[in-house]
Amino acid sequence: MTEMEMEKAQAELDRLLNDPDVRMDPERVWMLADHLSRAAGGNTARPATR
């Protein structure tokens, strides 16, 4: 993931979490958080699916 892609994903995640006019999409939030974590070198466990 390039730095520009990371910035774009971070901005989208921030908007999803903090903008009251944007509908919450938990699946998208988890996906963005996962991609950002992996790009930063983090080792994350995926949330359990139903």
PDB file of N, CA and C in Angstrom:
ATOM      1  N   MET A   1       0.862  -1.166   0.000  1.00  0.00           N
ATOM      2  CA  MET A   1       0.000   0.000   0.000  1.00  0.00           C
ATOM      3  C   MET A   1       0.909   1.229   0.000  1.00  0.00           C
ATOM      4  N   THR A   2       0.679   2.122  -0.940  1.00  0.00           N
ATOM      5  CA  THR A   2       1.491   3.332  -1.021  1.00  0.00           C
ATOM      6  C   THR A   2       1.086   4.316   0.081  1.00  0.00           C
ATOM      7  N   GLU A   3       1.929   5.291   0.308  1.00  0.00           N
ATOM      8  CA  GLU A   3       1.622   6.293   1.329  1.00  0.00           C
ATOM      9  C   GLU A   3       0.346   7.053   0.979  1.00  0.00           C
ATOM     10  N   MET A   4       0.139   7.337  -0.296  1.00  0.00           N
ATOM     11  CA  MET A   4      -1.075   8.047  -0.720  1.00  0.00           C
ATOM     12  C   MET A   4      -2.317   7.188  -0.454  1.00  0.00           C
ATOM     13  N   GLU A   5      -2.233   5.884  -0.738  1.00  0.00           N
ATOM     14  CA  GLU A   5      -3.349   4.983  -0.472  1.00  0.00           C
ATOM     15  C   GLU A   5      -3.637   4.899   1.029  1.00  0.00           C
ATOM     16  N   MET A   6      -2.568   4.898   1.827  1.00  0.00           N
ATOM     17  CA  MET A   6      -2.740   4.863   3.282  1.00  0.00           C
ATOM     18  C   MET A   6      -3.431   6.134   3.774  1.00  0.00           C
ATOM     19  N   GLU A   7      -3.029   7.274   3.252  1.00  0.00           N
ATOM     20  CA  GLU A   7      -3.649   8.539   3.655  1.00  0.00           C
ATOM     21  C   GLU A   7      -5.123   8.564   3.270  1.00  0.00           C
ATOM     22  N   LYS A   8      -5.435   8.063   2.080  1.00  0.00           N
ATOM     23  CA  LYS A   8      -6.818   8.028   1.617  1.00  0.00           C
ATOM     24  C   LYS A   8      -7.657   7.097   2.494  1.00  0.00           C
ATOM     25  N   ALA A   9      -7.106   5.923   2.821  1.00  0.00           N
ATOM     26  CA  ALA A   9      -7.818   4.975   3.679  1.00  0.00           C
ATOM     27  C   ALA A   9      -8.008   5.553   5.073  1.00  0.00           C
ATOM     28  N   GLN A  10      -6.984   6.224   5.598  1.00  0.00           N
ATOM     29  CA  GLN A  10      -7.094   6.842   6.925  1.00  0.00           C
ATOM     30  C   GLN A  10      -8.171   7.919   6.937  1.00  0.00           C
ATOM     31  N   ALA A  11      -8.234   8.714   5.882  1.00  0.00           N
ATOM     32  CA  ALA A  11      -9.241   9.774   5.792  1.00  0.00           C
ATOM     33  C   ALA A  11     -10.647   9.168   5.727  1.00  0.00           C
ATOM     34  N   GLU A  12     -10.804   8.089   4.960  1.00  0.00           N
ATOM     35  CA  GLU A  12     -12.112   7.440   4.865  1.00  0.00           C
ATOM     36  C   GLU A  12     -12.506   6.838   6.215  1.00  0.00           C
ATOM     37  N   LEU A  13     -11.559   6.190   6.880  1.00  0.00           N
ATOM     38  CA  LEU A  13     -11.828   5.609   8.191  1.00  0.00           C
ATOM     39  C   LEU A  13     -12.223   6.697   9.184  1.00  0.00           C
ATOM     40  N   ASP A  14     -11.499   7.797   9.175  1.00  0.00           N
ATOM     41  CA  ASP A  14     -11.805   8.917  10.060  1.00  0.00           C
ATOM     42  C   ASP A  14     -13.216   9.439   9.803  1.00  0.00           C
ATOM     43  N   ARG A  15     -13.572   9.565   8.529  1.00  0.00           N
ATOM     44  CA  ARG A  15     -14.903  10.054   8.163  1.00  0.00           C
ATOM     45  C   ARG A  15     -15.990   9.084   8.631  1.00  0.00           C
ATOM     46  N   LEU A  16     -15.775   7.779   8.431  1.00  0.00           N
ATOM     47  CA  LEU A  16     -16.760   6.782   8.854  1.00  0.00           C
ATOM     48  C   LEU A  16     -16.967   6.796  10.366  1.00  0.00           C
ATOM     49  N   LEU A  17     -15.899   7.025  11.099  1.00  0.00           N
ATOM     50  CA  LEU A  17     -15.983   6.979  12.558  1.00  0.00           C
ATOM     51  C   LEU A  17     -16.454   8.286  13.182  1.00  0.00           C
ATOM     52  N   ASN A  18     -16.205   9.410  12.521  1.00  0.00           N
ATOM     53  CA  ASN A  18     -16.414  10.695  13.176  1.00  0.00           C
ATOM     54  C   ASN A  18     -17.426  11.632  12.536  1.00  0.00           C
ATOM     55  N   ASP A  19     -17.851  11.374  11.319  1.00  0.00           N
ATOM     56  CA  ASP A  19     -18.796  12.274  10.654  1.00  0.00           C
ATOM     57  C   ASP A  19     -20.224  11.797  10.922  1.00  0.00           C
ATOM     58  N   PRO A  20     -20.997  12.571  11.676  1.00  0.00           N
ATOM     59  CA  PRO A  20     -22.356  12.139  12.008  1.00  0.00           C
ATOM     60  C   PRO A  20     -23.276  12.050  10.788  1.00  0.00           C
ATOM     61  N   ASP A  21     -22.901  12.655   9.669  1.00  0.00           N
ATOM     62  CA  ASP A  21     -23.731  12.612   8.469  1.00  0.00           C
ATOM     63  C   ASP A  21     -23.444  11.388   7.602  1.00  0.00           C
ATOM     64  N   VAL A  22     -22.414  10.606   7.966  1.00  0.00           N
ATOM     65  CA  VAL A  22     -22.044   9.428   7.184  1.00  0.00           C
ATOM     66  C   VAL A  22     -22.547   8.190   7.919  1.00  0.00           C
ATOM     67  N   ARG A  23     -23.245   7.340   7.179  1.00  0.00           N
ATOM     68  CA  ARG A  23     -23.792   6.116   7.763  1.00  0.00           C
ATOM     69  C   ARG A  23     -22.651   5.169   8.143  1.00  0.00           C
ATOM     70  N   MET A  24     -22.721   4.629   9.360  1.00  0.00           N
ATOM     71  CA  MET A  24     -21.712   3.701   9.840  1.00  0.00           C
ATOM     72  C   MET A  24     -21.781   2.407   9.040  1.00  0.00           C
ATOM     73  N   ASP A  25     -20.635   1.934   8.592  1.00  0.00           N
ATOM     74  CA  ASP A  25     -20.522   0.675   7.863  1.00  0.00           C
ATOM     75  C   ASP A  25     -19.443  -0.142   8.572  1.00  0.00           C
ATOM     76  N   PRO A  26     -19.821  -0.944   9.579  1.00  0.00           N
ATOM     77  CA  PRO A  26     -18.823  -1.663  10.375  1.00  0.00           C
ATOM     78  C   PRO A  26     -17.886  -2.545   9.550  1.00  0.00           C
ATOM     79  N   GLU A  27     -18.417  -3.202   8.522  1.00  0.00           N
ATOM     80  CA  GLU A  27     -17.578  -4.067   7.700  1.00  0.00           C
ATOM     81  C   GLU A  27     -16.479  -3.251   7.008  1.00  0.00           C
ATOM     82  N   ARG A  28     -16.836  -2.090   6.504  1.00  0.00           N
ATOM     83  CA  ARG A  28     -15.861  -1.217   5.839  1.00  0.00           C
ATOM     84  C   ARG A  28     -14.837  -0.685   6.845  1.00  0.00           C
ATOM     85  N   VAL A  29     -15.304  -0.339   8.057  1.00  0.00           N
ATOM     86  CA  VAL A  29     -14.399   0.151   9.097  1.00  0.00           C
ATOM     87  C   VAL A  29     -13.350  -0.913   9.416  1.00  0.00           C
ATOM     88  N   TRP A  30     -13.786  -2.166   9.641  1.00  0.00           N
ATOM     89  CA  TRP A  30     -12.849  -3.238   9.952  1.00  0.00           C
ATOM     90  C   TRP A  30     -11.888  -3.491   8.795  1.00  0.00           C
ATOM     91  N   MET A  31     -12.401  -3.437   7.558  1.00  0.00           N
ATOM     92  CA  MET A  31     -11.540  -3.681   6.409  1.00  0.00           C
ATOM     93  C   MET A  31     -10.454  -2.605   6.307  1.00  0.00           C
ATOM     94  N   LEU A  32     -10.848  -1.342   6.445  1.00  0.00           N
ATOM     95  CA  LEU A  32      -9.879  -0.252   6.374  1.00  0.00           C
ATOM     96  C   LEU A  32      -8.857  -0.348   7.507  1.00  0.00           C
ATOM     97  N   ALA A  33      -9.338  -0.632   8.707  1.00  0.00           N
ATOM     98  CA  ALA A  33      -8.430  -0.760   9.851  1.00  0.00           C
ATOM     99  C   ALA A  33      -7.448  -1.905   9.632  1.00  0.00           C
ATOM    100  N   ASP A  34      -7.924  -3.002   9.082  1.00  0.00           N
ATOM    101  CA  ASP A  34      -7.058  -4.149   8.798  1.00  0.00           C
ATOM    102  C   ASP A  34      -5.997  -3.790   7.769  1.00  0.00           C
ATOM    103  N   HIS A  35      -6.403  -3.145   6.684  1.00  0.00           N
ATOM    104  CA  HIS A  35      -5.442  -2.764   5.644  1.00  0.00           C
ATOM    105  C   HIS A  35      -4.398  -1.784   6.178  1.00  0.00           C
ATOM    106  N   LEU A  36      -4.830  -0.816   6.962  1.00  0.00           N
ATOM    107  CA  LEU A  36      -3.892   0.160   7.521  1.00  0.00           C
ATOM    108  C   LEU A  36      -2.930  -0.509   8.494  1.00  0.00           C
ATOM    109  N   SER A  37      -3.436  -1.415   9.289  1.00  0.00           N
ATOM    110  CA  SER A  37      -2.585  -2.114  10.245  1.00  0.00           C
ATOM    111  C   SER A  37      -1.543  -2.971   9.532  1.00  0.00           C
ATOM    112  N   ARG A  38      -1.979  -3.678   8.517  1.00  0.00           N
ATOM    113  CA  ARG A  38      -1.038  -4.522   7.759  1.00  0.00           C
ATOM    114  C   ARG A  38       0.010  -3.671   7.045  1.00  0.00           C
ATOM    115  N   ALA A  39      -0.414  -2.548   6.501  1.00  0.00           N
ATOM    116  CA  ALA A  39       0.517  -1.667   5.792  1.00  0.00           C
ATOM    117  C   ALA A  39       1.542  -1.066   6.748  1.00  0.00           C
ATOM    118  N   ALA A  40       1.126  -0.869   7.999  1.00  0.00           N
ATOM    119  CA  ALA A  40       2.025  -0.299   9.003  1.00  0.00           C
ATOM    120  C   ALA A  40       2.905  -1.380   9.630  1.00  0.00           C
ATOM    121  N   GLY A  41       2.689  -2.628   9.225  1.00  0.00           N
ATOM    122  CA  GLY A  41       3.518  -3.702   9.755  1.00  0.00           C
ATOM    123  C   GLY A  41       2.936  -4.397  10.959  1.00  0.00           C
ATOM    124  N   GLY A  42       1.688  -4.070  11.288  1.00  0.00           N
ATOM    125  CA  GLY A  42       1.043  -4.696  12.443  1.00  0.00           C
ATOM    126  C   GLY A  42       0.584  -6.096  12.109  1.00  0.00           C
ATOM    127  N   ASN A  43       0.515  -6.922  13.130  1.00  0.00           N
ATOM    128  CA  ASN A  43       0.006  -8.296  12.974  1.00  0.00           C
ATOM    129  C   ASN A  43      -1.336  -8.343  13.666  1.00  0.00           C
ATOM    130  N   THR A  44      -2.420  -8.355  12.905  1.00  0.00           N
ATOM    131  CA  THR A  44      -3.749  -8.278  13.504  1.00  0.00           C
ATOM    132  C   THR A  44      -4.500  -9.580  13.325  1.00  0.00           C
ATOM    133  N   ALA A  45      -5.374  -9.833  14.251  1.00  0.00           N
ATOM    134  CA  ALA A  45      -6.300 -10.951  14.130  1.00  0.00           C
ATOM    135  C   ALA A  45      -7.605 -10.395  13.572  1.00  0.00           C
ATOM    136  N   ARG A  46      -8.188 -11.103  12.652  1.00  0.00           N
ATOM    137  CA  ARG A  46      -9.452 -10.661  12.072  1.00  0.00           C
ATOM    138  C   ARG A  46     -10.573 -10.927  13.054  1.00  0.00           C
ATOM    139  N   PRO A  47     -11.593 -10.055  13.095  1.00  0.00           N
ATOM    140  CA  PRO A  47     -12.718 -10.287  13.997  1.00  0.00           C
ATOM    141  C   PRO A  47     -13.496 -11.522  13.570  1.00  0.00           C
ATOM    142  N   ALA A  48     -14.087 -12.183  14.523  1.00  0.00           N
ATOM    143  CA  ALA A  48     -14.877 -13.385  14.231  1.00  0.00           C
ATOM    144  C   ALA A  48     -16.076 -13.022  13.379  1.00  0.00           C
ATOM    145  N   THR A  49     -16.382 -13.860  12.416  1.00  0.00           N
ATOM    146  CA  THR A  49     -17.557 -13.632  11.570  1.00  0.00           C
ATOM    147  C   THR A  49     -18.696 -14.473  12.087  1.00  0.00           C
ATOM    148  N   ARG A  50     -19.873 -14.065  11.775  1.00  0.00           N
ATOM    149  CA  ARG A  50     -21.062 -14.783  12.240  1.00  0.00           C
ATOM    150  C   ARG A  50     -21.387 -15.920  11.333  1.00  0.00           C
TER     151      ARG A  50
END
